[in-house]
Amino acid sequence: KEANRSLLVESATLKSPQRMAQIAKQMG
């Protein structure tokens, strides 16, 4: 259960719009 919670948080972090915008900016 703890590993699942951790993975859900990591998934939400990776999918966040701020992160996507930052990666898009790095790619030009």
PDB file of all heavy atoms in Angstrom:
ATOM      1  N   LYS A   1       0.835  -1.205   0.000  1.00  0.00           N
ATOM      2  CA  LYS A   1       0.000   0.000   0.000  1.00  0.00           C
ATOM      3  C   LYS A   1       0.872   1.258   0.000  1.00  0.00           C
ATOM      4  O   LYS A   1       0.579   2.218  -0.709  1.00  0.00           O
ATOM      5  CB  LYS A   1      -0.922   0.015   1.225  1.00  0.00           C
ATOM      6  CG  LYS A   1      -2.164  -0.816   1.070  1.00  0.00           C
ATOM      7  CD  LYS A   1      -3.063  -0.626   2.279  1.00  0.00           C
ATOM      8  CE  LYS A   1      -4.366  -1.350   2.105  1.00  0.00           C
ATOM      9  NZ  LYS A   1      -5.252  -1.159   3.265  1.00  0.00           N
ATOM     10  N   GLU A   2       1.916   1.239   0.802  1.00  0.00           N
ATOM     11  CA  GLU A   2       2.820   2.400   0.860  1.00  0.00           C
ATOM     12  C   GLU A   2       3.527   2.591  -0.477  1.00  0.00           C
ATOM     13  O   GLU A   2       3.659   3.719  -0.966  1.00  0.00           O
ATOM     14  CB  GLU A   2       3.841   2.220   1.991  1.00  0.00           C
ATOM     15  CG  GLU A   2       4.730   3.417   2.201  1.00  0.00           C
ATOM     16  CD  GLU A   2       3.959   4.667   2.575  1.00  0.00           C
ATOM     17  OE1 GLU A   2       2.954   4.579   3.284  1.00  0.00           O
ATOM     18  OE2 GLU A   2       4.383   5.762   2.133  1.00  0.00           O
ATOM     19  N   ALA A   3       3.963   1.508  -1.097  1.00  0.00           N
ATOM     20  CA  ALA A   3       4.610   1.605  -2.405  1.00  0.00           C
ATOM     21  C   ALA A   3       3.626   2.131  -3.443  1.00  0.00           C
ATOM     22  O   ALA A   3       3.989   2.953  -4.299  1.00  0.00           O
ATOM     23  CB  ALA A   3       5.147   0.241  -2.837  1.00  0.00           C
ATOM     24  N   ASN A   4       2.370   1.696  -3.366  1.00  0.00           N
ATOM     25  CA  ASN A   4       1.344   2.174  -4.297  1.00  0.00           C
ATOM     26  C   ASN A   4       1.115   3.675  -4.122  1.00  0.00           C
ATOM     27  O   ASN A   4       1.036   4.413  -5.108  1.00  0.00           O
ATOM     28  CB  ASN A   4       0.038   1.407  -4.082  1.00  0.00           C
ATOM     29  CG  ASN A   4      -0.977   1.700  -5.151  1.00  0.00           C
ATOM     30  OD1 ASN A   4      -0.639   1.872  -6.312  1.00  0.00           O
ATOM     31  ND2 ASN A   4      -2.232   1.773  -4.752  1.00  0.00           N
ATOM     32  N   ARG A   5       1.023   4.125  -2.874  1.00  0.00           N
ATOM     33  CA  ARG A   5       0.862   5.565  -2.624  1.00  0.00           C
ATOM     34  C   ARG A   5       2.038   6.347  -3.183  1.00  0.00           C
ATOM     35  O   ARG A   5       1.866   7.392  -3.807  1.00  0.00           O
ATOM     36  CB  ARG A   5       0.730   5.833  -1.118  1.00  0.00           C
ATOM     37  CG  ARG A   5      -0.661   5.681  -0.608  1.00  0.00           C
ATOM     38  CD  ARG A   5      -0.790   6.171   0.836  1.00  0.00           C
ATOM     39  NE  ARG A   5      -1.417   5.081   1.564  1.00  0.00           N
ATOM     40  CZ  ARG A   5      -0.857   4.401   2.556  1.00  0.00           C
ATOM     41  NH1 ARG A   5       0.329   4.713   2.987  1.00  0.00           N
ATOM     42  NH2 ARG A   5      -1.494   3.419   3.137  1.00  0.00           N
ATOM     43  N   SER A   6       3.223   5.830  -2.969  1.00  0.00           N
ATOM     44  CA  SER A   6       4.429   6.498  -3.472  1.00  0.00           C
ATOM     45  C   SER A   6       4.408   6.580  -4.998  1.00  0.00           C
ATOM     46  O   SER A   6       4.735   7.617  -5.585  1.00  0.00           O
ATOM     47  CB  SER A   6       5.668   5.738  -2.995  1.00  0.00           C
ATOM     48  OG  SER A   6       6.818   6.260  -3.584  1.00  0.00           O
ATOM     49  N   LEU A   7       4.002   5.492  -5.644  1.00  0.00           N
ATOM     50  CA  LEU A   7       3.935   5.487  -7.106  1.00  0.00           C
ATOM     51  C   LEU A   7       2.852   6.431  -7.634  1.00  0.00           C
ATOM     52  O   LEU A   7       3.033   7.072  -8.679  1.00  0.00           O
ATOM     53  CB  LEU A   7       3.702   4.069  -7.618  1.00  0.00           C
ATOM     54  CG  LEU A   7       4.892   3.117  -7.452  1.00  0.00           C
ATOM     55  CD1 LEU A   7       4.474   1.702  -7.805  1.00  0.00           C
ATOM     56  CD2 LEU A   7       6.062   3.563  -8.281  1.00  0.00           C
ATOM     57  N   LEU A   8       1.744   6.531  -6.931  1.00  0.00           N
ATOM     58  CA  LEU A   8       0.690   7.464  -7.332  1.00  0.00           C
ATOM     59  C   LEU A   8       1.176   8.910  -7.247  1.00  0.00           C
ATOM     60  O   LEU A   8       0.903   9.718  -8.142  1.00  0.00           O
ATOM     61  CB  LEU A   8      -0.561   7.274  -6.472  1.00  0.00           C
ATOM     62  CG  LEU A   8      -1.380   6.019  -6.743  1.00  0.00           C
ATOM     63  CD1 LEU A   8      -2.500   5.873  -5.721  1.00  0.00           C
ATOM     64  CD2 LEU A   8      -1.946   6.049  -8.153  1.00  0.00           C
ATOM     65  N   VAL A   9       1.907   9.237  -6.189  1.00  0.00           N
ATOM     66  CA  VAL A   9       2.461  10.583  -6.046  1.00  0.00           C
ATOM     67  C   VAL A   9       3.465  10.850  -7.149  1.00  0.00           C
ATOM     68  O   VAL A   9       3.459  11.926  -7.775  1.00  0.00           O
ATOM     69  CB  VAL A   9       3.105  10.761  -4.648  1.00  0.00           C
ATOM     70  CG1 VAL A   9       3.930  12.028  -4.573  1.00  0.00           C
ATOM     71  CG2 VAL A   9       2.034  10.752  -3.572  1.00  0.00           C
ATOM     72  N   GLU A  10       4.322   9.883  -7.416  1.00  0.00           N
ATOM     73  CA  GLU A  10       5.313  10.052  -8.479  1.00  0.00           C
ATOM     74  C   GLU A  10       4.628  10.218  -9.836  1.00  0.00           C
ATOM     75  O   GLU A  10       5.025  11.059 -10.646  1.00  0.00           O
ATOM     76  CB  GLU A  10       6.253   8.848  -8.509  1.00  0.00           C
ATOM     77  CG  GLU A  10       7.369   8.986  -9.512  1.00  0.00           C
ATOM     78  CD  GLU A  10       8.304   7.789  -9.522  1.00  0.00           C
ATOM     79  OE1 GLU A  10       8.160   6.896  -8.666  1.00  0.00           O
ATOM     80  OE2 GLU A  10       9.188   7.758 -10.398  1.00  0.00           O
ATOM     81  N   SER A  11       3.583   9.446 -10.084  1.00  0.00           N
ATOM     82  CA  SER A  11       2.845   9.553 -11.346  1.00  0.00           C
ATOM     83  C   SER A  11       2.208  10.928 -11.492  1.00  0.00           C
ATOM     84  O   SER A  11       2.265  11.551 -12.556  1.00  0.00           O
ATOM     85  CB  SER A  11       1.769   8.464 -11.398  1.00  0.00           C
ATOM     86  OG  SER A  11       0.947   8.638 -12.514  1.00  0.00           O
ATOM     87  N   ALA A  12       1.604  11.409 -10.416  1.00  0.00           N
ATOM     88  CA  ALA A  12       0.980  12.733 -10.457  1.00  0.00           C
ATOM     89  C   ALA A  12       2.034  13.816 -10.695  1.00  0.00           C
ATOM     90  O   ALA A  12       1.800  14.775 -11.438  1.00  0.00           O
ATOM     91  CB  ALA A  12       0.227  13.001  -9.156  1.00  0.00           C
ATOM     92  N   THR A  13       3.193  13.658 -10.096  1.00  0.00           N
ATOM     93  CA  THR A  13       4.273  14.625 -10.288  1.00  0.00           C
ATOM     94  C   THR A  13       4.751  14.616 -11.732  1.00  0.00           C
ATOM     95  O   THR A  13       4.966  15.679 -12.336  1.00  0.00           O
ATOM     96  CB  THR A  13       5.454  14.303  -9.347  1.00  0.00           C
ATOM     97  OG1 THR A  13       4.973  14.276  -8.002  1.00  0.00           O
ATOM     98  CG2 THR A  13       6.556  15.318  -9.471  1.00  0.00           C
ATOM     99  N   LEU A  14       4.913  13.424 -12.294  1.00  0.00           N
ATOM    100  CA  LEU A  14       5.401  13.333 -13.672  1.00  0.00           C
ATOM    101  C   LEU A  14       4.379  13.865 -14.675  1.00  0.00           C
ATOM    102  O   LEU A  14       4.751  14.349 -15.741  1.00  0.00           O
ATOM    103  CB  LEU A  14       5.760  11.889 -14.015  1.00  0.00           C
ATOM    104  CG  LEU A  14       6.964  11.318 -13.267  1.00  0.00           C
ATOM    105  CD1 LEU A  14       7.111   9.833 -13.570  1.00  0.00           C
ATOM    106  CD2 LEU A  14       8.230  12.069 -13.622  1.00  0.00           C
ATOM    107  N   LYS A  15       3.100  13.785 -14.354  1.00  0.00           N
ATOM    108  CA  LYS A  15       2.059  14.231 -15.266  1.00  0.00           C
ATOM    109  C   LYS A  15       1.669  15.705 -15.064  1.00  0.00           C
ATOM    110  O   LYS A  15       0.805  16.201 -15.780  1.00  0.00           O
ATOM    111  CB  LYS A  15       0.798  13.380 -15.088  1.00  0.00           C
ATOM    112  CG  LYS A  15       0.935  11.967 -15.553  1.00  0.00           C
ATOM    113  CD  LYS A  15      -0.374  11.223 -15.301  1.00  0.00           C
ATOM    114  CE  LYS A  15      -0.282   9.778 -15.701  1.00  0.00           C
ATOM    115  NZ  LYS A  15      -1.539   9.055 -15.417  1.00  0.00           N
ATOM    116  N   SER A  16       2.266  16.368 -14.107  1.00  0.00           N
ATOM    117  CA  SER A  16       1.839  17.727 -13.776  1.00  0.00           C
ATOM    118  C   SER A  16       2.064  18.682 -14.951  1.00  0.00           C
ATOM    119  O   SER A  16       3.058  18.579 -15.687  1.00  0.00           O
ATOM    120  CB  SER A  16       2.573  18.238 -12.542  1.00  0.00           C
ATOM    121  OG  SER A  16       3.915  18.521 -12.859  1.00  0.00           O
ATOM    122  N   PRO A  17       1.145  19.624 -15.157  1.00  0.00           N
ATOM    123  CA  PRO A  17       1.283  20.583 -16.250  1.00  0.00           C
ATOM    124  C   PRO A  17       2.553  21.443 -16.133  1.00  0.00           C
ATOM    125  O   PRO A  17       3.167  21.773 -17.142  1.00  0.00           O
ATOM    126  CB  PRO A  17       0.029  21.451 -16.126  1.00  0.00           C
ATOM    127  CG  PRO A  17      -0.948  20.624 -15.358  1.00  0.00           C
ATOM    128  CD  PRO A  17      -0.133  19.751 -14.484  1.00  0.00           C
ATOM    129  N   GLN A  18       2.953  21.782 -14.933  1.00  0.00           N
ATOM    130  CA  GLN A  18       4.165  22.575 -14.745  1.00  0.00           C
ATOM    131  C   GLN A  18       5.388  21.825 -15.263  1.00  0.00           C
ATOM    132  O   GLN A  18       6.256  22.390 -15.921  1.00  0.00           O
ATOM    133  CB  GLN A  18       4.370  22.947 -13.261  1.00  0.00           C
ATOM    134  CG  GLN A  18       3.329  23.861 -12.682  1.00  0.00           C
ATOM    135  CD  GLN A  18       2.112  23.110 -12.166  1.00  0.00           C
ATOM    136  OE1 GLN A  18       2.075  21.878 -12.171  1.00  0.00           O
ATOM    137  NE2 GLN A  18       1.088  23.848 -11.759  1.00  0.00           N
ATOM    138  N   ARG A  19       5.448  20.543 -14.957  1.00  0.00           N
ATOM    139  CA  ARG A  19       6.579  19.740 -15.420  1.00  0.00           C
ATOM    140  C   ARG A  19       6.559  19.623 -16.947  1.00  0.00           C
ATOM    141  O   ARG A  19       7.598  19.725 -17.606  1.00  0.00           O
ATOM    142  CB  ARG A  19       6.531  18.342 -14.795  1.00  0.00           C
ATOM    143  CG  ARG A  19       7.725  17.490 -15.192  1.00  0.00           C
ATOM    144  CD  ARG A  19       7.709  16.170 -14.434  1.00  0.00           C
ATOM    145  NE  ARG A  19       8.810  15.332 -14.871  1.00  0.00           N
ATOM    146  CZ  ARG A  19       8.785  14.558 -15.966  1.00  0.00           C
ATOM    147  NH1 ARG A  19       7.718  14.506 -16.715  1.00  0.00           N
ATOM    148  NH2 ARG A  19       9.843  13.844 -16.307  1.00  0.00           N
ATOM    149  N   MET A  20       5.378  19.391 -17.504  1.00  0.00           N
ATOM    150  CA  MET A  20       5.262  19.286 -18.963  1.00  0.00           C
ATOM    151  C   MET A  20       5.710  20.588 -19.630  1.00  0.00           C
ATOM    152  O   MET A  20       6.416  20.564 -20.649  1.00  0.00           O
ATOM    153  CB  MET A  20       3.817  18.970 -19.361  1.00  0.00           C
ATOM    154  CG  MET A  20       3.341  17.629 -18.894  1.00  0.00           C
ATOM    155  SD  MET A  20       4.185  16.341 -19.792  1.00  0.00           S
ATOM    156  CE  MET A  20       3.309  14.929 -19.224  1.00  0.00           C
ATOM    157  N   ALA A  21       5.312  21.711 -19.055  1.00  0.00           N
ATOM    158  CA  ALA A  21       5.700  23.015 -19.615  1.00  0.00           C
ATOM    159  C   ALA A  21       7.210  23.193 -19.533  1.00  0.00           C
ATOM    160  O   ALA A  21       7.852  23.687 -20.483  1.00  0.00           O
ATOM    161  CB  ALA A  21       4.989  24.137 -18.873  1.00  0.00           C
ATOM    162  N   GLN A  22       7.795  22.769 -18.431  1.00  0.00           N
ATOM    163  CA  GLN A  22       9.240  22.897 -18.266  1.00  0.00           C
ATOM    164  C   GLN A  22       9.974  22.033 -19.291  1.00  0.00           C
ATOM    165  O   GLN A  22      10.947  22.467 -19.912  1.00  0.00           O
ATOM    166  CB  GLN A  22       9.633  22.490 -16.844  1.00  0.00           C
ATOM    167  CG  GLN A  22      11.108  22.616 -16.547  1.00  0.00           C
ATOM    168  CD  GLN A  22      11.441  22.099 -15.154  1.00  0.00           C
ATOM    169  OE1 GLN A  22      10.635  21.427 -14.528  1.00  0.00           O
ATOM    170  NE2 GLN A  22      12.627  22.425 -14.692  1.00  0.00           N
ATOM    171  N   ILE A  23       9.521  20.802 -19.502  1.00  0.00           N
ATOM    172  CA  ILE A  23      10.158  19.910 -20.483  1.00  0.00           C
ATOM    173  C   ILE A  23       9.991  20.464 -21.887  1.00  0.00           C
ATOM    174  O   ILE A  23      10.934  20.451 -22.699  1.00  0.00           O
ATOM    175  CB  ILE A  23       9.569  18.480 -20.373  1.00  0.00           C
ATOM    176  CG1 ILE A  23       9.990  17.840 -19.054  1.00  0.00           C
ATOM    177  CG2 ILE A  23      10.019  17.614 -21.535  1.00  0.00           C
ATOM    178  CD1 ILE A  23       9.328  16.513 -18.775  1.00  0.00           C
ATOM    179  N   ALA A  24       8.797  20.984 -22.193  1.00  0.00           N
ATOM    180  CA  ALA A  24       8.567  21.568 -23.515  1.00  0.00           C
ATOM    181  C   ALA A  24       9.487  22.758 -23.736  1.00  0.00           C
ATOM    182  O   ALA A  24      10.039  22.940 -24.834  1.00  0.00           O
ATOM    183  CB  ALA A  24       7.106  21.990 -23.645  1.00  0.00           C
ATOM    184  N   LYS A  25       9.679  23.556 -22.723  1.00  0.00           N
ATOM    185  CA  LYS A  25      10.568  24.721 -22.830  1.00  0.00           C
ATOM    186  C   LYS A  25      12.009  24.270 -23.072  1.00  0.00           C
ATOM    187  O   LYS A  25      12.722  24.853 -23.891  1.00  0.00           O
ATOM    188  CB  LYS A  25      10.472  25.561 -21.549  1.00  0.00           C
ATOM    189  CG  LYS A  25      11.165  26.881 -21.621  1.00  0.00           C
ATOM    190  CD  LYS A  25      10.913  27.670 -20.345  1.00  0.00           C
ATOM    191  CE  LYS A  25      11.562  29.034 -20.431  1.00  0.00           C
ATOM    192  NZ  LYS A  25      11.361  29.810 -19.206  1.00  0.00           N
ATOM    193  N   GLN A  26      12.435  23.207 -22.380  1.00  0.00           N
ATOM    194  CA  GLN A  26      13.796  22.687 -22.565  1.00  0.00           C
ATOM    195  C   GLN A  26      13.993  22.145 -23.976  1.00  0.00           C
ATOM    196  O   GLN A  26      15.092  22.203 -24.526  1.00  0.00           O
ATOM    197  CB  GLN A  26      14.089  21.577 -21.546  1.00  0.00           C
ATOM    198  CG  GLN A  26      14.263  22.063 -20.135  1.00  0.00           C
ATOM    199  CD  GLN A  26      14.390  20.907 -19.150  1.00  0.00           C
ATOM    200  OE1 GLN A  26      14.263  19.748 -19.522  1.00  0.00           O
ATOM    201  NE2 GLN A  26      14.621  21.236 -17.890  1.00  0.00           N
ATOM    202  N   MET A  27      12.921  21.637 -24.577  1.00  0.00           N
ATOM    203  CA  MET A  27      13.013  21.083 -25.924  1.00  0.00           C
ATOM    204  C   MET A  27      12.850  22.164 -26.999  1.00  0.00           C
ATOM    205  O   MET A  27      12.929  21.878 -28.191  1.00  0.00           O
ATOM    206  CB  MET A  27      11.936  20.004 -26.118  1.00  0.00           C
ATOM    207  CG  MET A  27      12.159  18.782 -25.240  1.00  0.00           C
ATOM    208  SD  MET A  27      10.831  17.589 -25.373  1.00  0.00           S
ATOM    209  CE  MET A  27      11.084  16.974 -27.022  1.00  0.00           C
ATOM    210  N   GLY A  28      12.606  23.396 -26.567  1.00  0.00           N
ATOM    211  CA  GLY A  28      12.472  24.486 -27.514  1.00  0.00           C
ATOM    212  C   GLY A  28      11.078  24.658 -28.060  1.00  0.00           C
ATOM    213  O   GLY A  28      10.875  25.340 -29.065  1.00  0.00           O
TER     214      GLY A  28
END
